[in-house]
Amino acid sequence: GPASLAVLETELKPFIKAGTLEEAASADIVLVAVNWSKLPKALATLPDFGGRIVIDANNPIEAPLFRPAELNGRLSTEVFADLVPGARVVKAFNHLQPHLLSGD
Protein backbone atom coordinates (compact mmCIF):
# COMPACT_ATOMS: atom_id res chain seq x y z
CA GLY A 1 0.00 0.00 0.00
CA PRO A 2 0.93 3.69 0.09
CA ALA A 3 2.90 3.33 3.33
CA SER A 4 5.44 1.13 1.53
CA LEU A 5 6.33 4.13 -0.64
CA ALA A 6 6.84 6.63 2.22
CA VAL A 7 10.61 7.03 1.76
CA LEU A 8 10.34 7.48 -2.01
CA GLU A 9 7.42 9.87 -1.57
CA THR A 10 9.48 12.01 0.83
CA GLU A 11 12.39 12.11 -1.62
CA LEU A 12 10.24 13.09 -4.60
CA LYS A 13 7.74 15.50 -3.03
CA PRO A 14 6.02 17.55 -4.36
CA PHE A 15 6.16 15.61 -7.64
CA ILE A 16 4.49 12.42 -6.42
CA LYS A 17 1.96 11.35 -3.82
CA ALA A 18 1.51 7.75 -2.73
CA GLY A 19 -2.10 6.66 -2.50
CA THR A 20 -4.50 3.77 -2.64
CA LEU A 21 -5.80 2.21 -5.84
CA GLU A 22 -9.07 4.08 -5.34
CA GLU A 23 -7.28 7.42 -4.85
CA ALA A 24 -5.20 6.89 -7.99
CA ALA A 25 -8.28 5.91 -9.99
CA SER A 26 -10.09 9.10 -8.96
CA ALA A 27 -7.56 11.36 -10.74
CA ASP A 28 -8.54 13.39 -13.80
CA ILE A 29 -6.20 11.27 -15.94
CA VAL A 30 -5.37 7.69 -14.96
CA LEU A 31 -2.49 5.63 -16.38
CA VAL A 32 -2.88 1.85 -16.10
CA ALA A 33 0.21 -0.35 -16.55
CA VAL A 34 -0.45 -3.80 -15.11
CA ASN A 35 0.48 -7.35 -16.12
CA TRP A 36 -2.19 -8.32 -18.67
CA SER A 37 -3.53 -11.30 -16.74
CA LYS A 38 -3.86 -9.17 -13.58
CA LEU A 39 -5.96 -6.41 -15.20
CA PRO A 40 -9.43 -7.82 -14.43
CA LYS A 41 -8.70 -8.19 -10.72
CA ALA A 42 -6.89 -4.84 -10.49
CA LEU A 43 -9.78 -2.93 -12.08
CA ALA A 44 -12.78 -4.94 -10.83
CA THR A 45 -13.63 -2.84 -7.77
CA LEU A 46 -13.32 0.59 -9.35
CA PRO A 47 -16.43 2.68 -10.03
CA ASP A 48 -17.45 4.11 -13.41
CA PHE A 49 -14.86 6.57 -14.71
CA GLY A 50 -17.50 9.12 -15.70
CA GLY A 51 -15.85 10.25 -18.94
CA ARG A 52 -12.37 10.70 -17.48
CA ILE A 53 -9.32 9.73 -19.54
CA VAL A 54 -7.73 6.36 -18.81
CA ILE A 55 -4.43 5.63 -20.56
CA ASP A 56 -4.00 1.98 -21.54
CA ALA A 57 -0.25 1.31 -21.33
CA ASN A 58 -0.71 -2.45 -21.28
CA ASN A 59 0.43 -5.10 -23.72
CA PRO A 60 -1.60 -8.28 -24.29
CA ILE A 61 1.30 -10.52 -23.33
CA GLU A 62 1.11 -13.37 -20.83
CA ALA A 63 4.10 -13.22 -18.50
CA PRO A 64 6.43 -14.84 -17.68
CA LEU A 65 6.38 -16.72 -21.01
CA PHE A 66 5.78 -13.57 -23.08
CA ARG A 67 3.21 -15.19 -25.30
CA PRO A 68 0.39 -13.20 -26.89
CA ALA A 69 -2.81 -13.28 -24.84
CA GLU A 70 -5.93 -14.77 -26.40
CA LEU A 71 -8.14 -11.84 -27.40
CA ASN A 72 -10.80 -13.80 -29.31
CA GLY A 73 -10.50 -11.60 -32.38
CA ARG A 74 -10.75 -8.34 -30.45
CA LEU A 75 -8.26 -5.51 -30.10
CA SER A 76 -6.50 -5.35 -26.74
CA THR A 77 -7.85 -1.86 -26.14
CA GLU A 78 -11.40 -3.11 -26.70
CA VAL A 79 -10.83 -5.72 -24.01
CA PHE A 80 -9.26 -3.08 -21.75
CA ALA A 81 -12.13 -0.62 -22.35
CA ASP A 82 -14.61 -3.22 -21.10
CA LEU A 83 -12.70 -3.24 -17.79
CA VAL A 84 -12.90 0.55 -17.29
CA PRO A 85 -16.58 1.48 -17.77
CA GLY A 86 -17.27 5.11 -18.56
CA ALA A 87 -13.63 5.87 -19.45
CA ARG A 88 -12.32 7.62 -22.52
CA VAL A 89 -9.52 5.18 -23.32
CA VAL A 90 -6.25 6.25 -24.92
CA LYS A 91 -3.67 3.62 -25.95
CA ALA A 92 -0.09 4.79 -25.32
CA PHE A 93 3.43 3.96 -24.14
CA ASN A 94 3.67 0.47 -25.58
CA HIS A 95 7.08 -1.14 -25.63
CA LEU A 96 6.60 -3.97 -28.09
CA GLN A 97 8.11 -3.95 -31.55
CA PRO A 98 5.71 -2.72 -34.26
CA HIS A 99 5.47 -6.10 -36.02
CA LEU A 100 4.16 -7.64 -32.78
CA LEU A 101 1.43 -5.00 -32.53
CA SER A 102 0.49 -4.98 -36.21
CA GLY A 103 -2.51 -7.26 -35.67
CA ASP A 104 -3.78 -5.17 -32.77
PDB file of N, CA and C in Angstrom:
ATOM      1  N   GLY A   1       0.803  -1.189   0.000  1.00  0.00           N
ATOM      2  CA  GLY A   1       0.000   0.000   0.000  1.00  0.00           C
ATOM      3  C   GLY A   1       0.849   1.257   0.000  1.00  0.00           C
ATOM      4  N   PRO A   2       0.233   2.402   0.135  1.00  0.00           N
ATOM      5  CA  PRO A   2       0.928   3.687   0.092  1.00  0.00           C
ATOM      6  C   PRO A   2       2.048   3.811   1.120  1.00  0.00           C
ATOM      7  N   ALA A   3       1.884   3.216   2.283  1.00  0.00           N
ATOM      8  CA  ALA A   3       2.905   3.331   3.330  1.00  0.00           C
ATOM      9  C   ALA A   3       4.236   2.742   2.884  1.00  0.00           C
ATOM     10  N   SER A   4       4.199   1.749   2.002  1.00  0.00           N
ATOM     11  CA  SER A   4       5.438   1.130   1.530  1.00  0.00           C
ATOM     12  C   SER A   4       6.251   2.073   0.650  1.00  0.00           C
ATOM     13  N   LEU A   5       5.654   3.162   0.220  1.00  0.00           N
ATOM     14  CA  LEU A   5       6.331   4.134  -0.640  1.00  0.00           C
ATOM     15  C   LEU A   5       6.712   5.409   0.101  1.00  0.00           C
ATOM     16  N   ALA A   6       6.630   5.415   1.421  1.00  0.00           N
ATOM     17  CA  ALA A   6       6.838   6.629   2.217  1.00  0.00           C
ATOM     18  C   ALA A   6       8.201   7.265   1.979  1.00  0.00           C
ATOM     19  N   VAL A   7       9.258   6.477   1.947  1.00  0.00           N
ATOM     20  CA  VAL A   7      10.607   7.031   1.760  1.00  0.00           C
ATOM     21  C   VAL A   7      10.728   7.662   0.378  1.00  0.00           C
ATOM     22  N   LEU A   8      10.286   6.953  -0.646  1.00  0.00           N
ATOM     23  CA  LEU A   8      10.340   7.484  -2.007  1.00  0.00           C
ATOM     24  C   LEU A   8       9.477   8.730  -2.138  1.00  0.00           C
ATOM     25  N   GLU A   9       8.309   8.716  -1.530  1.00  0.00           N
ATOM     26  CA  GLU A   9       7.418   9.873  -1.574  1.00  0.00           C
ATOM     27  C   GLU A   9       8.095  11.090  -0.952  1.00  0.00           C
ATOM     28  N   THR A  10       8.775  10.909   0.165  1.00  0.00           N
ATOM     29  CA  THR A  10       9.483  12.008   0.830  1.00  0.00           C
ATOM     30  C   THR A  10      10.577  12.563  -0.072  1.00  0.00           C
ATOM     31  N   GLU A  11      11.308  11.691  -0.737  1.00  0.00           N
ATOM     32  CA  GLU A  11      12.394  12.113  -1.623  1.00  0.00           C
ATOM     33  C   GLU A  11      11.887  12.887  -2.835  1.00  0.00           C
ATOM     34  N   LEU A  12      10.731  12.520  -3.343  1.00  0.00           N
ATOM     35  CA  LEU A  12      10.245  13.093  -4.599  1.00  0.00           C
ATOM     36  C   LEU A  12       9.151  14.143  -4.445  1.00  0.00           C
ATOM     37  N   LYS A  13       8.748  14.448  -3.217  1.00  0.00           N
ATOM     38  CA  LYS A  13       7.740  15.495  -3.030  1.00  0.00           C
ATOM     39  C   LYS A  13       8.274  16.790  -3.609  1.00  0.00           C
ATOM     40  N   PRO A  14       7.477  17.606  -4.212  1.00  0.00           N
ATOM     41  CA  PRO A  14       6.022  17.547  -4.365  1.00  0.00           C
ATOM     42  C   PRO A  14       5.578  16.876  -5.661  1.00  0.00           C
ATOM     43  N   PHE A  15       6.470  16.144  -6.315  1.00  0.00           N
ATOM     44  CA  PHE A  15       6.159  15.610  -7.639  1.00  0.00           C
ATOM     45  C   PHE A  15       5.335  14.328  -7.627  1.00  0.00           C
ATOM     46  N   ILE A  16       5.315  13.620  -6.513  1.00  0.00           N
ATOM     47  CA  ILE A  16       4.488  12.418  -6.418  1.00  0.00           C
ATOM     48  C   ILE A  16       3.747  12.394  -5.090  1.00  0.00           C
ATOM     49  N   LYS A  17       2.694  11.586  -5.059  1.00  0.00           N
ATOM     50  CA  LYS A  17       1.960  11.347  -3.823  1.00  0.00           C
ATOM     51  C   LYS A  17       1.530   9.887  -3.842  1.00  0.00           C
ATOM     52  N   ALA A  18       1.938   9.148  -2.837  1.00  0.00           N
ATOM     53  CA  ALA A  18       1.513   7.753  -2.733  1.00  0.00           C
ATOM     54  C   ALA A  18       0.051   7.713  -2.303  1.00  0.00           C
ATOM     55  N   GLY A  19      -0.691   6.773  -2.854  1.00  0.00           N
ATOM     56  CA  GLY A  19      -2.098   6.659  -2.499  1.00  0.00           C
ATOM     57  C   GLY A  19      -2.613   5.261  -2.749  1.00  0.00           C
ATOM     58  N   THR A  20      -3.858   5.060  -2.423  1.00  0.00           N
ATOM     59  CA  THR A  20      -4.501   3.767  -2.643  1.00  0.00           C
ATOM     60  C   THR A  20      -4.905   3.638  -4.107  1.00  0.00           C
ATOM     61  N   LEU A  21      -5.293   2.449  -4.490  1.00  0.00           N
ATOM     62  CA  LEU A  21      -5.796   2.211  -5.837  1.00  0.00           C
ATOM     63  C   LEU A  21      -6.983   3.126  -6.123  1.00  0.00           C
ATOM     64  N   GLU A  22      -7.878   3.244  -5.164  1.00  0.00           N
ATOM     65  CA  GLU A  22      -9.070   4.079  -5.341  1.00  0.00           C
ATOM     66  C   GLU A  22      -8.702   5.553  -5.496  1.00  0.00           C
ATOM     67  N   GLU A  23      -7.722   6.030  -4.725  1.00  0.00           N
ATOM     68  CA  GLU A  23      -7.276   7.421  -4.851  1.00  0.00           C
ATOM     69  C   GLU A  23      -6.660   7.662  -6.223  1.00  0.00           C
ATOM     70  N   ALA A  24      -5.826   6.743  -6.671  1.00  0.00           N
ATOM     71  CA  ALA A  24      -5.203   6.892  -7.988  1.00  0.00           C
ATOM     72  C   ALA A  24      -6.260   6.892  -9.089  1.00  0.00           C
ATOM     73  N   ALA A  25      -7.241   6.021  -8.973  1.00  0.00           N
ATOM     74  CA  ALA A  25      -8.279   5.906  -9.991  1.00  0.00           C
ATOM     75  C   ALA A  25      -9.224   7.098 -10.014  1.00  0.00           C
ATOM     76  N   SER A  26      -9.199   7.936  -8.994  1.00  0.00           N
ATOM     77  CA  SER A  26     -10.086   9.100  -8.961  1.00  0.00           C
ATOM     78  C   SER A  26      -9.463  10.336  -9.607  1.00  0.00           C
ATOM     79  N   ALA A  27      -8.240  10.223 -10.101  1.00  0.00           N
ATOM     80  CA  ALA A  27      -7.562  11.358 -10.735  1.00  0.00           C
ATOM     81  C   ALA A  27      -8.243  11.727 -12.054  1.00  0.00           C
ATOM     82  N   ASP A  28      -7.968  12.940 -12.527  1.00  0.00           N
ATOM     83  CA  ASP A  28      -8.541  13.390 -13.797  1.00  0.00           C
ATOM     84  C   ASP A  28      -8.065  12.532 -14.965  1.00  0.00           C
ATOM     85  N   ILE A  29      -6.791  12.145 -14.929  1.00  0.00           N
ATOM     86  CA  ILE A  29      -6.202  11.268 -15.939  1.00  0.00           C
ATOM     87  C   ILE A  29      -5.553  10.108 -15.200  1.00  0.00           C
ATOM     88  N   VAL A  30      -5.863   8.890 -15.631  1.00  0.00           N
ATOM     89  CA  VAL A  30      -5.369   7.687 -14.959  1.00  0.00           C
ATOM     90  C   VAL A  30      -4.547   6.872 -15.956  1.00  0.00           C
ATOM     91  N   LEU A  31      -3.339   6.491 -15.564  1.00  0.00           N
ATOM     92  CA  LEU A  31      -2.486   5.628 -16.378  1.00  0.00           C
ATOM     93  C   LEU A  31      -2.514   4.231 -15.767  1.00  0.00           C
ATOM     94  N   VAL A  32      -2.836   3.226 -16.585  1.00  0.00           N
ATOM     95  CA  VAL A  32      -2.878   1.846 -16.103  1.00  0.00           C
ATOM     96  C   VAL A  32      -1.792   1.048 -16.814  1.00  0.00           C
ATOM     97  N   ALA A  33      -0.867   0.495 -16.033  1.00  0.00           N
ATOM     98  CA  ALA A  33       0.209  -0.354 -16.550  1.00  0.00           C
ATOM     99  C   ALA A  33       0.332  -1.550 -15.611  1.00  0.00           C
ATOM    100  N   VAL A  34      -0.355  -2.621 -15.960  1.00  0.00           N
ATOM    101  CA  VAL A  34      -0.453  -3.804 -15.106  1.00  0.00           C
ATOM    102  C   VAL A  34      -0.218  -5.038 -15.979  1.00  0.00           C
ATOM    103  N   ASN A  35       0.341  -6.082 -15.410  1.00  0.00           N
ATOM    104  CA  ASN A  35       0.479  -7.348 -16.119  1.00  0.00           C
ATOM    105  C   ASN A  35      -0.887  -7.723 -16.694  1.00  0.00           C
ATOM    106  N   TRP A  36      -0.925  -8.091 -17.971  1.00  0.00           N
ATOM    107  CA  TRP A  36      -2.190  -8.315 -18.675  1.00  0.00           C
ATOM    108  C   TRP A  36      -3.140  -9.238 -17.917  1.00  0.00           C
ATOM    109  N   SER A  37      -2.647 -10.343 -17.417  1.00  0.00           N
ATOM    110  CA  SER A  37      -3.529 -11.299 -16.743  1.00  0.00           C
ATOM    111  C   SER A  37      -4.047 -10.783 -15.402  1.00  0.00           C
ATOM    112  N   LYS A  38      -3.437  -9.733 -14.872  1.00  0.00           N
ATOM    113  CA  LYS A  38      -3.855  -9.169 -13.580  1.00  0.00           C
ATOM    114  C   LYS A  38      -4.853  -8.017 -13.741  1.00  0.00           C
ATOM    115  N   LEU A  39      -5.075  -7.562 -14.968  1.00  0.00           N
ATOM    116  CA  LEU A  39      -5.960  -6.414 -15.195  1.00  0.00           C
ATOM    117  C   LEU A  39      -7.374  -6.601 -14.642  1.00  0.00           C
ATOM    118  N   PRO A  40      -8.052  -7.701 -14.936  1.00  0.00           N
ATOM    119  CA  PRO A  40      -9.433  -7.816 -14.432  1.00  0.00           C
ATOM    120  C   PRO A  40      -9.533  -7.656 -12.919  1.00  0.00           C
ATOM    121  N   LYS A  41      -8.658  -8.294 -12.186  1.00  0.00           N
ATOM    122  CA  LYS A  41      -8.702  -8.192 -10.722  1.00  0.00           C
ATOM    123  C   LYS A  41      -8.337  -6.780 -10.255  1.00  0.00           C
ATOM    124  N   ALA A  42      -7.337  -6.175 -10.891  1.00  0.00           N
ATOM    125  CA  ALA A  42      -6.890  -4.838 -10.486  1.00  0.00           C
ATOM    126  C   ALA A  42      -7.970  -3.783 -10.697  1.00  0.00           C
ATOM    127  N   LEU A  43      -8.791  -3.956 -11.720  1.00  0.00           N
ATOM    128  CA  LEU A  43      -9.775  -2.934 -12.076  1.00  0.00           C
ATOM    129  C   LEU A  43     -11.199  -3.261 -11.618  1.00  0.00           C
ATOM    130  N   ALA A  44     -11.424  -4.452 -11.119  1.00  0.00           N
ATOM    131  CA  ALA A  44     -12.781  -4.940 -10.829  1.00  0.00           C
ATOM    132  C   ALA A  44     -13.558  -4.099  -9.827  1.00  0.00           C
ATOM    133  N   THR A  45     -12.903  -3.529  -8.841  1.00  0.00           N
ATOM    134  CA  THR A  45     -13.631  -2.839  -7.769  1.00  0.00           C
ATOM    135  C   THR A  45     -13.784  -1.338  -8.001  1.00  0.00           C
ATOM    136  N   LEU A  46     -13.275  -0.851  -9.119  1.00  0.00           N
ATOM    137  CA  LEU A  46     -13.322   0.595  -9.353  1.00  0.00           C
ATOM    138  C   LEU A  46     -14.675   1.018  -9.915  1.00  0.00           C
ATOM    139  N   PRO A  47     -15.146   2.196  -9.510  1.00  0.00           N
ATOM    140  CA  PRO A  47     -16.431   2.680 -10.029  1.00  0.00           C
ATOM    141  C   PRO A  47     -16.292   3.196 -11.462  1.00  0.00           C
ATOM    142  N   ASP A  48     -17.413   3.529 -12.067  1.00  0.00           N
ATOM    143  CA  ASP A  48     -17.455   4.110 -13.407  1.00  0.00           C
ATOM    144  C   ASP A  48     -16.535   5.329 -13.469  1.00  0.00           C
ATOM    145  N   PHE A  49     -15.819   5.474 -14.574  1.00  0.00           N
ATOM    146  CA  PHE A  49     -14.861   6.569 -14.709  1.00  0.00           C
ATOM    147  C   PHE A  49     -15.506   7.883 -15.142  1.00  0.00           C
ATOM    148  N   GLY A  50     -16.767   7.885 -15.453  1.00  0.00           N
ATOM    149  CA  GLY A  50     -17.496   9.120 -15.704  1.00  0.00           C
ATOM    150  C   GLY A  50     -16.894  10.029 -16.764  1.00  0.00           C
ATOM    151  N   GLY A  51     -16.379   9.454 -17.849  1.00  0.00           N
ATOM    152  CA  GLY A  51     -15.847  10.252 -18.944  1.00  0.00           C
ATOM    153  C   GLY A  51     -14.405  10.700 -18.772  1.00  0.00           C
ATOM    154  N   ARG A  52     -13.780  10.321 -17.673  1.00  0.00           N
ATOM    155  CA  ARG A  52     -12.372  10.696 -17.478  1.00  0.00           C
ATOM    156  C   ARG A  52     -11.471   9.883 -18.405  1.00  0.00           C
ATOM    157  N   ILE A  53     -10.281  10.395 -18.667  1.00  0.00           N
ATOM    158  CA  ILE A  53      -9.315   9.732 -19.539  1.00  0.00           C
ATOM    159  C   ILE A  53      -8.576   8.652 -18.766  1.00  0.00           C
ATOM    160  N   VAL A  54      -8.518   7.459 -19.356  1.00  0.00           N
ATOM    161  CA  VAL A  54      -7.727   6.361 -18.808  1.00  0.00           C
ATOM    162  C   VAL A  54      -6.753   5.922 -19.899  1.00  0.00           C
ATOM    163  N   ILE A  55      -5.472   6.001 -19.601  1.00  0.00           N
ATOM    164  CA  ILE A  55      -4.432   5.634 -20.557  1.00  0.00           C
ATOM    165  C   ILE A  55      -4.125   4.149 -20.404  1.00  0.00           C
ATOM    166  N   ASP A  56      -4.280   3.420 -21.488  1.00  0.00           N
ATOM    167  CA  ASP A  56      -4.003   1.982 -21.537  1.00  0.00           C
ATOM    168  C   ASP A  56      -2.557   1.795 -21.988  1.00  0.00           C
ATOM    169  N   ALA A  57      -1.667   1.536 -21.028  1.00  0.00           N
ATOM    170  CA  ALA A  57      -0.250   1.314 -21.333  1.00  0.00           C
ATOM    171  C   ALA A  57       0.092  -0.168 -21.202  1.00  0.00           C
ATOM    172  N   ASN A  58      -0.877  -1.007 -21.459  1.00  0.00           N
ATOM    173  CA  ASN A  58      -0.710  -2.450 -21.283  1.00  0.00           C
ATOM    174  C   ASN A  58      -0.461  -3.139 -22.615  1.00  0.00           C
ATOM    175  N   ASN A  59       0.206  -4.269 -22.547  1.00  0.00           N
ATOM    176  CA  ASN A  59       0.427  -5.105 -23.718  1.00  0.00           C
ATOM    177  C   ASN A  59      -0.225  -6.458 -23.466  1.00  0.00           C
ATOM    178  N   PRO A  60      -0.916  -6.998 -24.471  1.00  0.00           N
ATOM    179  CA  PRO A  60      -1.601  -8.277 -24.286  1.00  0.00           C
ATOM    180  C   PRO A  60      -0.633  -9.457 -24.353  1.00  0.00           C
ATOM    181  N   ILE A  61       0.262  -9.489 -23.397  1.00  0.00           N
ATOM    182  CA  ILE A  61       1.295 -10.521 -23.331  1.00  0.00           C
ATOM    183  C   ILE A  61       1.148 -11.254 -22.000  1.00  0.00           C
ATOM    184  N   GLU A  62       1.188 -12.556 -22.045  1.00  0.00           N
ATOM    185  CA  GLU A  62       1.110 -13.365 -20.831  1.00  0.00           C
ATOM    186  C   GLU A  62       2.511 -13.604 -20.287  1.00  0.00           C
ATOM    187  N   ALA A  63       2.806 -13.007 -19.154  1.00  0.00           N
ATOM    188  CA  ALA A  63       4.098 -13.218 -18.500  1.00  0.00           C
ATOM    189  C   ALA A  63       3.986 -14.460 -17.626  1.00  0.00           C
ATOM    190  N   PRO A  64       5.037 -15.146 -17.342  1.00  0.00           N
ATOM    191  CA  PRO A  64       6.426 -14.839 -17.683  1.00  0.00           C
ATOM    192  C   PRO A  64       6.868 -15.429 -19.014  1.00  0.00           C
ATOM    193  N   LEU A  65       5.979 -16.081 -19.753  1.00  0.00           N
ATOM    194  CA  LEU A  65       6.379 -16.720 -21.012  1.00  0.00           C
ATOM    195  C   LEU A  65       6.409 -15.762 -22.191  1.00  0.00           C
ATOM    196  N   PHE A  66       5.828 -14.587 -22.037  1.00  0.00           N
ATOM    197  CA  PHE A  66       5.778 -13.566 -23.078  1.00  0.00           C
ATOM    198  C   PHE A  66       5.139 -14.085 -24.359  1.00  0.00           C
ATOM    199  N   ARG A  67       4.015 -14.732 -24.182  1.00  0.00           N
ATOM    200  CA  ARG A  67       3.205 -15.190 -25.305  1.00  0.00           C
ATOM    201  C   ARG A  67       2.020 -14.255 -25.454  1.00  0.00           C
ATOM    202  N   PRO A  68       1.561 -14.049 -26.696  1.00  0.00           N
ATOM    203  CA  PRO A  68       0.385 -13.200 -26.888  1.00  0.00           C
ATOM    204  C   PRO A  68      -0.830 -13.761 -26.147  1.00  0.00           C
ATOM    205  N   ALA A  69      -1.582 -12.878 -25.535  1.00  0.00           N
ATOM    206  CA  ALA A  69      -2.810 -13.277 -24.843  1.00  0.00           C
ATOM    207  C   ALA A  69      -3.889 -13.587 -25.874  1.00  0.00           C
ATOM    208  N   GLU A  70      -4.797 -14.454 -25.532  1.00  0.00           N
ATOM    209  CA  GLU A  70      -5.927 -14.773 -26.404  1.00  0.00           C
ATOM    210  C   GLU A  70      -6.956 -13.653 -26.289  1.00  0.00           C
ATOM    211  N   LEU A  71      -7.216 -12.974 -27.391  1.00  0.00           N
ATOM    212  CA  LEU A  71      -8.141 -11.839 -27.397  1.00  0.00           C
ATOM    213  C   LEU A  71      -9.444 -12.156 -28.124  1.00  0.00           C
ATOM    214  N   ASN A  72      -9.578 -13.375 -28.619  1.00  0.00           N
ATOM    215  CA  ASN A  72     -10.801 -13.803 -29.307  1.00  0.00           C
ATOM    216  C   ASN A  72     -11.206 -12.862 -30.430  1.00  0.00           C
ATOM    217  N   GLY A  73     -10.224 -12.445 -31.222  1.00  0.00           N
ATOM    218  CA  GLY A  73     -10.495 -11.603 -32.378  1.00  0.00           C
ATOM    219  C   GLY A  73     -10.711 -10.133 -32.074  1.00  0.00           C
ATOM    220  N   ARG A  74     -10.550  -9.737 -30.835  1.00  0.00           N
ATOM    221  CA  ARG A  74     -10.753  -8.335 -30.454  1.00  0.00           C
ATOM    222  C   ARG A  74      -9.413  -7.620 -30.346  1.00  0.00           C
ATOM    223  N   LEU A  75      -9.444  -6.313 -30.366  1.00  0.00           N
ATOM    224  CA  LEU A  75      -8.257  -5.509 -30.098  1.00  0.00           C
ATOM    225  C   LEU A  75      -8.033  -5.463 -28.594  1.00  0.00           C
ATOM    226  N   SER A  76      -6.782  -5.374 -28.185  1.00  0.00           N
ATOM    227  CA  SER A  76      -6.500  -5.348 -26.744  1.00  0.00           C
ATOM    228  C   SER A  76      -7.156  -4.155 -26.066  1.00  0.00           C
ATOM    229  N   THR A  77      -7.232  -3.035 -26.749  1.00  0.00           N
ATOM    230  CA  THR A  77      -7.845  -1.859 -26.138  1.00  0.00           C
ATOM    231  C   THR A  77      -9.357  -2.023 -26.014  1.00  0.00           C
ATOM    232  N   GLU A  78      -9.973  -2.800 -26.875  1.00  0.00           N
ATOM    233  CA  GLU A  78     -11.396  -3.113 -26.699  1.00  0.00           C
ATOM    234  C   GLU A  78     -11.605  -3.924 -25.425  1.00  0.00           C
ATOM    235  N   VAL A  79     -10.744  -4.908 -25.221  1.00  0.00           N
ATOM    236  CA  VAL A  79     -10.827  -5.723 -24.008  1.00  0.00           C
ATOM    237  C   VAL A  79     -10.599  -4.837 -22.788  1.00  0.00           C
ATOM    238  N   PHE A  80      -9.574  -3.984 -22.856  1.00  0.00           N
ATOM    239  CA  PHE A  80      -9.260  -3.078 -21.750  1.00  0.00           C
ATOM    240  C   PHE A  80     -10.434  -2.137 -21.469  1.00  0.00           C
ATOM    241  N   ALA A  81     -11.025  -1.568 -22.519  1.00  0.00           N
ATOM    242  CA  ALA A  81     -12.131  -0.618 -22.352  1.00  0.00           C
ATOM    243  C   ALA A  81     -13.310  -1.249 -21.616  1.00  0.00           C
ATOM    244  N   ASP A  82     -13.539  -2.529 -21.827  1.00  0.00           N
ATOM    245  CA  ASP A  82     -14.612  -3.215 -21.098  1.00  0.00           C
ATOM    246  C   ASP A  82     -14.347  -3.265 -19.596  1.00  0.00           C
ATOM    247  N   LEU A  83     -13.076  -3.162 -19.206  1.00  0.00           N
ATOM    248  CA  LEU A  83     -12.697  -3.235 -17.790  1.00  0.00           C
ATOM    249  C   LEU A  83     -12.742  -1.881 -17.089  1.00  0.00           C
ATOM    250  N   VAL A  84     -12.885  -0.801 -17.868  1.00  0.00           N
ATOM    251  CA  VAL A  84     -12.904   0.551 -17.294  1.00  0.00           C
ATOM    252  C   VAL A  84     -14.151   1.291 -17.782  1.00  0.00           C
ATOM    253  N   PRO A  85     -15.331   0.893 -17.296  1.00  0.00           N
ATOM    254  CA  PRO A  85     -16.582   1.484 -17.769  1.00  0.00           C
ATOM    255  C   PRO A  85     -16.610   2.997 -17.586  1.00  0.00           C
ATOM    256  N   GLY A  86     -17.127   3.664 -18.612  1.00  0.00           N
ATOM    257  CA  GLY A  86     -17.268   5.112 -18.557  1.00  0.00           C
ATOM    258  C   GLY A  86     -16.002   5.882 -18.878  1.00  0.00           C
ATOM    259  N   ALA A  87     -14.909   5.190 -19.178  1.00  0.00           N
ATOM    260  CA  ALA A  87     -13.633   5.867 -19.449  1.00  0.00           C
ATOM    261  C   ALA A  87     -13.509   6.230 -20.922  1.00  0.00           C
ATOM    262  N   ARG A  88     -12.781   7.301 -21.170  1.00  0.00           N
ATOM    263  CA  ARG A  88     -12.324   7.624 -22.520  1.00  0.00           C
ATOM    264  C   ARG A  88     -10.915   7.043 -22.604  1.00  0.00           C
ATOM    265  N   VAL A  89     -10.775   5.939 -23.309  1.00  0.00           N
ATOM    266  CA  VAL A  89      -9.522   5.178 -23.319  1.00  0.00           C
ATOM    267  C   VAL A  89      -8.581   5.686 -24.406  1.00  0.00           C
ATOM    268  N   VAL A  90      -7.321   5.870 -24.012  1.00  0.00           N
ATOM    269  CA  VAL A  90      -6.249   6.254 -24.922  1.00  0.00           C
ATOM    270  C   VAL A  90      -5.167   5.184 -24.814  1.00  0.00           C
ATOM    271  N   LYS A  91      -4.737   4.637 -25.940  1.00  0.00           N
ATOM    272  CA  LYS A  91      -3.670   3.624 -25.952  1.00  0.00           C
ATOM    273  C   LYS A  91      -2.338   4.344 -26.138  1.00  0.00           C
ATOM    274  N   ALA A  92      -1.372   4.087 -25.232  1.00  0.00           N
ATOM    275  CA  ALA A  92      -0.086   4.787 -25.316  1.00  0.00           C
ATOM    276  C   ALA A  92       1.009   4.023 -24.580  1.00  0.00           C
ATOM    277  N   PHE A  93       2.238   4.418 -24.865  1.00  0.00           N
ATOM    278  CA  PHE A  93       3.430   3.956 -24.136  1.00  0.00           C
ATOM    279  C   PHE A  93       3.701   2.465 -24.258  1.00  0.00           C
ATOM    280  N   ASN A  94       3.388   1.888 -25.394  1.00  0.00           N
ATOM    281  CA  ASN A  94       3.674   0.471 -25.578  1.00  0.00           C
ATOM    282  C   ASN A  94       5.152   0.268 -25.875  1.00  0.00           C
ATOM    283  N   HIS A  95       5.664  -0.881 -25.460  1.00  0.00           N
ATOM    284  CA  HIS A  95       7.084  -1.140 -25.629  1.00  0.00           C
ATOM    285  C   HIS A  95       7.378  -2.361 -26.492  1.00  0.00           C
ATOM    286  N   LEU A  96       6.393  -2.846 -27.189  1.00  0.00           N
ATOM    287  CA  LEU A  96       6.605  -3.974 -28.088  1.00  0.00           C
ATOM    288  C   LEU A  96       7.009  -3.475 -29.466  1.00  0.00           C
ATOM    289  N   GLN A  97       7.717  -4.308 -30.196  1.00  0.00           N
ATOM    290  CA  GLN A  97       8.112  -3.946 -31.550  1.00  0.00           C
ATOM    291  C   GLN A  97       6.869  -3.847 -32.433  1.00  0.00           C
ATOM    292  N   PRO A  98       6.895  -2.939 -33.421  1.00  0.00           N
ATOM    293  CA  PRO A  98       5.713  -2.719 -34.258  1.00  0.00           C
ATOM    294  C   PRO A  98       5.151  -3.986 -34.897  1.00  0.00           C
ATOM    295  N   HIS A  99       5.999  -4.901 -35.353  1.00  0.00           N
ATOM    296  CA  HIS A  99       5.465  -6.099 -36.019  1.00  0.00           C
ATOM    297  C   HIS A  99       4.666  -6.975 -35.054  1.00  0.00           C
ATOM    298  N   LEU A 100       4.936  -6.879 -33.758  1.00  0.00           N
ATOM    299  CA  LEU A 100       4.164  -7.642 -32.785  1.00  0.00           C
ATOM    300  C   LEU A 100       2.802  -7.011 -32.521  1.00  0.00           C
ATOM    301  N   LEU A 101       2.692  -5.710 -32.750  1.00  0.00           N
ATOM    302  CA  LEU A 101       1.435  -4.999 -32.526  1.00  0.00           C
ATOM    303  C   LEU A 101       0.602  -4.861 -33.799  1.00  0.00           C
ATOM    304  N   SER A 102       1.150  -5.253 -34.936  1.00  0.00           N
ATOM    305  CA  SER A 102       0.491  -4.985 -36.214  1.00  0.00           C
ATOM    306  C   SER A 102      -0.911  -5.576 -36.307  1.00  0.00           C
ATOM    307  N   GLY A 103      -1.174  -6.670 -35.630  1.00  0.00           N
ATOM    308  CA  GLY A 103      -2.509  -7.260 -35.667  1.00  0.00           C
ATOM    309  C   GLY A 103      -3.446  -6.687 -34.640  1.00  0.00           C
ATOM    310  N   ASP A 104      -2.974  -5.723 -33.850  1.00  0.00           N
ATOM    311  CA  ASP A 104      -3.781  -5.168 -32.766  1.00  0.00           C
ATOM    312  C   ASP A 104      -4.193  -3.781 -33.149  1.00  0.00           C
TER     313      ASP A 104
END
